[in-house]
Amino acid sequence: MVVNLADTYKVRSNRESGYGRYDVMIEPLDRAGKAFIFEFKVLDPDEDEETLQDTLANAHAQIDEKQYEAELLAGGFAPEQIRKYGFAFQGKECLIG
């Protein structure tokens, strides 16, 4: 999938932005396009997560708290161009939102 994006997107992972390191950022080469931030989490009962929805909520909270969109905003992207997705896993189950 990532190889097919190379002509139209810049794909980066585990780089610093804001106050932490995002898992994956996909930035369009055409500044009019949408950018994506992905945060991957595995359900962790030690983090008070009982369901995949809890894990997904923690992924979104991390994206917002760490301000992972800072790099994109500094690069000229408007907030409405940035899509933020959490991926929550538990065994073979996955919830994306």
Protein backbone atom coordinates (compact mmCIF):
# COMPACT_ATOMS: atom_id res chain seq x y z
CA MET A 1 0.00 0.00 0.00
CA VAL A 2 2.70 2.48 0.96
CA VAL A 3 4.65 1.90 -2.27
CA ASN A 4 1.57 2.89 -4.30
CA LEU A 5 1.34 6.16 -2.36
CA ALA A 6 4.90 7.26 -3.21
CA ASP A 7 3.87 9.25 -6.31
CA THR A 8 1.32 11.39 -4.49
CA TYR A 9 2.20 11.29 -0.78
CA LYS A 10 5.15 11.59 1.55
CA VAL A 11 4.91 8.77 4.11
CA ARG A 12 6.79 9.06 7.40
CA SER A 13 6.74 7.09 10.62
CA ASN A 14 7.86 7.53 14.20
CA ARG A 15 9.04 11.11 13.73
CA GLU A 16 8.82 13.93 16.23
CA SER A 17 5.97 16.39 15.89
CA GLY A 18 4.42 18.49 18.61
CA TYR A 19 5.28 16.87 21.94
CA GLY A 20 5.85 13.29 20.86
CA ARG A 21 6.30 10.82 18.03
CA TYR A 22 3.40 9.87 15.80
CA ASP A 23 3.14 6.35 14.42
CA VAL A 24 2.46 7.23 10.77
CA MET A 25 1.90 10.50 8.91
CA ILE A 26 0.84 10.60 5.27
CA GLU A 27 1.28 14.03 3.70
CA PRO A 28 0.05 14.83 0.19
CA LEU A 29 2.59 16.27 -2.22
CA ASP A 30 -0.25 18.44 -3.55
CA ARG A 31 -0.93 20.92 -0.73
CA ALA A 32 -4.64 20.94 -1.65
CA GLY A 33 -5.01 17.30 -0.58
CA LYS A 34 -5.79 15.68 2.76
CA ALA A 35 -3.10 14.66 5.25
CA PHE A 36 -3.45 11.71 7.63
CA ILE A 37 -2.12 10.89 11.08
CA PHE A 38 -2.37 7.28 12.27
CA GLU A 39 -1.89 6.15 15.87
CA PHE A 40 -1.80 2.39 16.58
CA LYS A 41 -2.63 0.97 20.01
CA VAL A 42 -3.10 -2.46 21.53
CA LEU A 43 -5.75 -2.80 24.24
CA ASP A 44 -3.99 -2.42 27.58
CA PRO A 45 -5.93 -3.19 30.77
CA ASP A 46 -3.18 -1.42 32.74
CA GLU A 47 -4.27 1.79 30.99
CA ASP A 48 -7.89 1.31 32.20
CA GLU A 49 -8.92 0.03 28.77
CA GLU A 50 -11.69 -2.55 28.87
CA THR A 51 -12.88 -2.34 25.26
CA LEU A 52 -11.49 -1.49 21.84
CA GLN A 53 -13.52 1.73 22.06
CA ASP A 54 -11.49 2.68 25.16
CA THR A 55 -8.25 1.98 23.29
CA LEU A 56 -9.45 3.98 20.28
CA ALA A 57 -10.33 6.90 22.55
CA ASN A 58 -6.82 6.76 24.05
CA ALA A 59 -5.28 6.80 20.58
CA HIS A 60 -7.24 9.94 19.69
CA ALA A 61 -6.42 11.53 23.04
CA GLN A 62 -2.71 10.89 22.42
CA ILE A 63 -2.87 12.48 18.95
CA ASP A 64 -4.50 15.58 20.42
CA GLU A 65 -2.48 15.83 23.65
CA LYS A 66 0.85 15.39 21.86
CA GLN A 67 -0.23 17.77 19.08
CA TYR A 68 1.01 15.49 16.32
CA GLU A 69 -0.56 17.79 13.71
CA ALA A 70 1.99 20.55 14.54
CA GLU A 71 4.33 19.52 11.71
CA LEU A 72 1.51 19.65 9.17
CA LEU A 73 0.19 22.98 10.44
CA ALA A 74 3.69 24.46 10.29
CA GLY A 75 3.92 23.16 6.72
CA GLY A 76 0.88 25.16 5.67
CA PHE A 77 -1.93 22.65 6.01
CA ALA A 78 -5.25 23.92 7.37
CA PRO A 79 -6.76 21.97 10.28
CA GLU A 80 -9.68 20.83 8.10
CA GLN A 81 -7.21 19.12 5.73
CA ILE A 82 -5.86 16.88 8.50
CA ARG A 83 -7.54 13.55 9.25
CA LYS A 84 -6.66 11.76 12.49
CA TYR A 85 -7.24 8.01 12.84
CA GLY A 86 -6.77 5.67 15.74
CA PHE A 87 -6.29 1.94 15.23
CA ALA A 88 -7.16 -0.22 18.22
CA PHE A 89 -6.15 -3.88 18.35
CA GLN A 90 -6.96 -6.82 20.59
CA GLY A 91 -5.73 -10.10 19.20
CA LYS A 92 -7.23 -10.42 15.72
CA GLU A 93 -9.83 -7.74 16.36
CA CYS A 94 -9.33 -4.20 15.11
CA LEU A 95 -11.33 -1.00 15.46
CA ILE A 96 -10.48 2.03 13.33
CA GLY A 97 -11.89 5.47 13.82
